[in-house]
C-alpha atoms as a PDB file:
ATOM      1  CA  MET A   1    -104.551-137.917  17.078  1.00  0.00           C
ATOM      2  CA  LYS A   2    -102.974-134.555  16.144  1.00  0.00           C
ATOM      3  CA  LYS A   3     -99.743-133.449  17.595  1.00  0.00           C
ATOM      4  CA  SER A   4     -99.920-130.153  19.711  1.00  0.00           C
ATOM      5  CA  MET A   5     -97.635-127.710  17.944  1.00  0.00           C
ATOM      6  CA  ARG A   6     -95.557-125.392  20.074  1.00  0.00           C
ATOM      7  CA  THR A   7     -96.649-121.717  19.502  1.00  0.00           C
ATOM      8  CA  PHE A   8     -94.643-118.577  20.064  1.00  0.00           C
ATOM      9  CA  PRO A   9     -95.907-115.304  20.847  1.00  0.00           C
ATOM     10  CA  THR A  10     -95.727-112.819  18.155  1.00  0.00           C
ATOM     11  CA  ARG A  11     -93.358-109.955  18.712  1.00  0.00           C
ATOM     12  CA  ALA A  12     -94.548-106.486  17.958  1.00  0.00           C
ATOM     13  CA  PHE A  13     -91.971-103.821  16.432  1.00  0.00           C
ATOM     14  CA  SER A  14     -92.017 -99.996  16.402  1.00  0.00           C
ATOM     15  CA  ILE A  15     -90.032 -98.117  13.986  1.00  0.00           C
ATOM     16  CA  LEU A  16     -88.592 -95.078  15.554  1.00  0.00           C
ATOM     17  CA  SER A  17     -86.296 -92.090  14.619  1.00  0.00           C
ATOM     18  CA  VAL A  18     -82.752 -92.382  16.247  1.00  0.00           C
ATOM     19  CA  ALA A  19     -83.469 -89.335  18.348  1.00  0.00           C
ATOM     20  CA  ASP A  20     -86.728 -90.926  19.653  1.00  0.00           C
ATOM     21  CA  ALA A  21     -85.154 -94.275  20.456  1.00  0.00           C
ATOM     22  CA  GLN A  22     -82.421 -92.538  22.407  1.00  0.00           C
ATOM     23  CA  ARG A  23     -84.582 -90.389  24.236  1.00  0.00           C
ATOM     24  CA  ILE A  24     -87.297 -93.080  25.105  1.00  0.00           C
ATOM     25  CA  THR A  25     -84.543 -95.874  26.039  1.00  0.00           C
ATOM     26  CA  GLY A  26     -82.041 -93.524  27.497  1.00  0.00           C
ATOM     27  CA  LEU A  27     -79.331 -95.242  25.719  1.00  0.00           C
ATOM     28  CA  ASP A  28     -76.983 -93.949  22.924  1.00  0.00           C
ATOM     29  CA  SER A  29     -77.009 -95.379  19.262  1.00  0.00           C
ATOM     30  CA  THR A  30     -74.350 -97.942  19.944  1.00  0.00           C
ATOM     31  CA  GLN A  31     -76.116 -99.494  23.017  1.00  0.00           C
ATOM     32  CA  ILE A  32     -79.170 -99.614  21.066  1.00  0.00           C
ATOM     33  CA  ARG A  33     -77.705-101.450  18.211  1.00  0.00           C
ATOM     34  CA  ALA A  34     -76.111-104.022  20.751  1.00  0.00           C
ATOM     35  CA  LEU A  35     -79.658-105.081  21.949  1.00  0.00           C
ATOM     36  CA  PRO A  36     -81.165-108.219  20.628  1.00  0.00           C
ATOM     37  CA  SER A  37     -83.835-107.917  18.067  1.00  0.00           C
ATOM     38  CA  VAL A  38     -82.983-104.346  17.234  1.00  0.00           C
ATOM     39  CA  GLN A  39     -82.491-103.341  13.495  1.00  0.00           C
ATOM     40  CA  ALA A  40     -80.900-100.310  12.176  1.00  0.00           C
ATOM     41  CA  LEU A  41     -82.513 -99.036   9.099  1.00  0.00           C
ATOM     42  CA  THR A  42     -81.624 -96.084   6.612  1.00  0.00           C
ATOM     43  CA  ARG A  43     -84.206 -94.628   4.327  1.00  0.00           C
ATOM     44  CA  VAL A  44     -82.669 -93.009   1.267  1.00  0.00           C
ATOM     45  CA  PHE A  45     -84.681 -90.448  -0.426  1.00  0.00           C
ATOM     46  CA  ALA A  46     -84.732 -89.591  -4.338  1.00  0.00           C
ATOM     47  CA  ASP A  47     -82.646 -86.300  -3.773  1.00  0.00           C
ATOM     48  CA  GLY A  48     -79.998 -88.197  -1.853  1.00  0.00           C
ATOM     49  CA  ARG A  49     -80.940 -87.325   1.672  1.00  0.00           C
ATOM     50  CA  SER A  50     -81.021 -90.131   4.038  1.00  0.00           C
ATOM     51  CA  GLU A  51     -82.714 -90.809   7.337  1.00  0.00           C
ATOM     52  CA  CYS A  52     -81.675 -93.566  10.039  1.00  0.00           C
ATOM     53  CA  ALA A  53     -84.269 -95.258  12.443  1.00  0.00           C
ATOM     54  CA  PHE A  54     -84.206 -98.408  14.475  1.00  0.00           C
ATOM     55  CA  ARG A  55     -86.824-100.990  14.617  1.00  0.00           C
ATOM     56  CA  LEU A  56     -87.259-101.991  18.167  1.00  0.00           C
ATOM     57  CA  PRO A  57     -89.289-104.561  20.104  1.00  0.00           C
ATOM     58  CA  THR A  58     -92.374-103.068  21.495  1.00  0.00           C
ATOM     59  CA  GLU A  59     -91.714-104.730  24.872  1.00  0.00           C
ATOM     60  CA  LEU A  60     -88.265-102.660  25.088  1.00  0.00           C
ATOM     61  CA  LEU A  61     -90.399 -99.547  24.844  1.00  0.00           C
ATOM     62  CA  THR A  62     -92.945-100.227  27.275  1.00  0.00           C
ATOM     63  CA  SER A  63     -90.322-101.251  29.775  1.00  0.00           C
ATOM     64  CA  ALA A  64     -88.264 -98.214  29.227  1.00  0.00           C
ATOM     65  CA  GLU A  65     -91.296 -95.975  29.469  1.00  0.00           C
ATOM     66  CA  ALA A  66     -92.310 -97.741  32.861  1.00  0.00           C
ATOM     67  CA  GLU A  67     -88.964 -96.666  34.471  1.00  0.00           C
END
């Protein structure tokens, strides 16, 4: 007899620029970083420029857009 395995829904994430994340959620950068499952990312280009972004759970974006 097989044991039933507990399954968890897979979470979907979106990577957004800091400005887009702030606009969609209505929160500032510090508040966004404090949310669970959020990661702050930095891309560094060969010429030394850098660009910041957030990896946000999709359900956070869909709930923010519904408001």
